[in-house]
């Protein structure tokens, strides 16, 4: 059987790597097609009030955050944005610091590239 395909469930698979579904940290022996240095994809389920109070700083990747459901605030060192409508998203580049808070129960998809150690 070919090892270059995979089917799964984001809720079930995300608990193995803090929500991350694709990236350099996936064990290729378990799922070679999900192991990549090109990008990282995260399925994030955040209850209302959950936050990342510490800032992620000096990240040298590009990131996209996409709202699936809920209300989610992203604070950047260049401004803040609240994602409120399904499909709202924000993209930020290298060197922009960030933090976040779920203002309502929220589900978000995060894509960042490249996937680096």
Foldseek 3Di string as FASTA:
>chain_A
DDLQDDDDDQVVQLVVPVFKQAECPDDCVVHVNRHDQFKIKGKDWDAAFDWFPDKDFQAQKKKKKFWQDAWKKKQKPVGIDIDHDHGDMDIDHGGIIIMIGGNHGTIMMMMIDRHDD
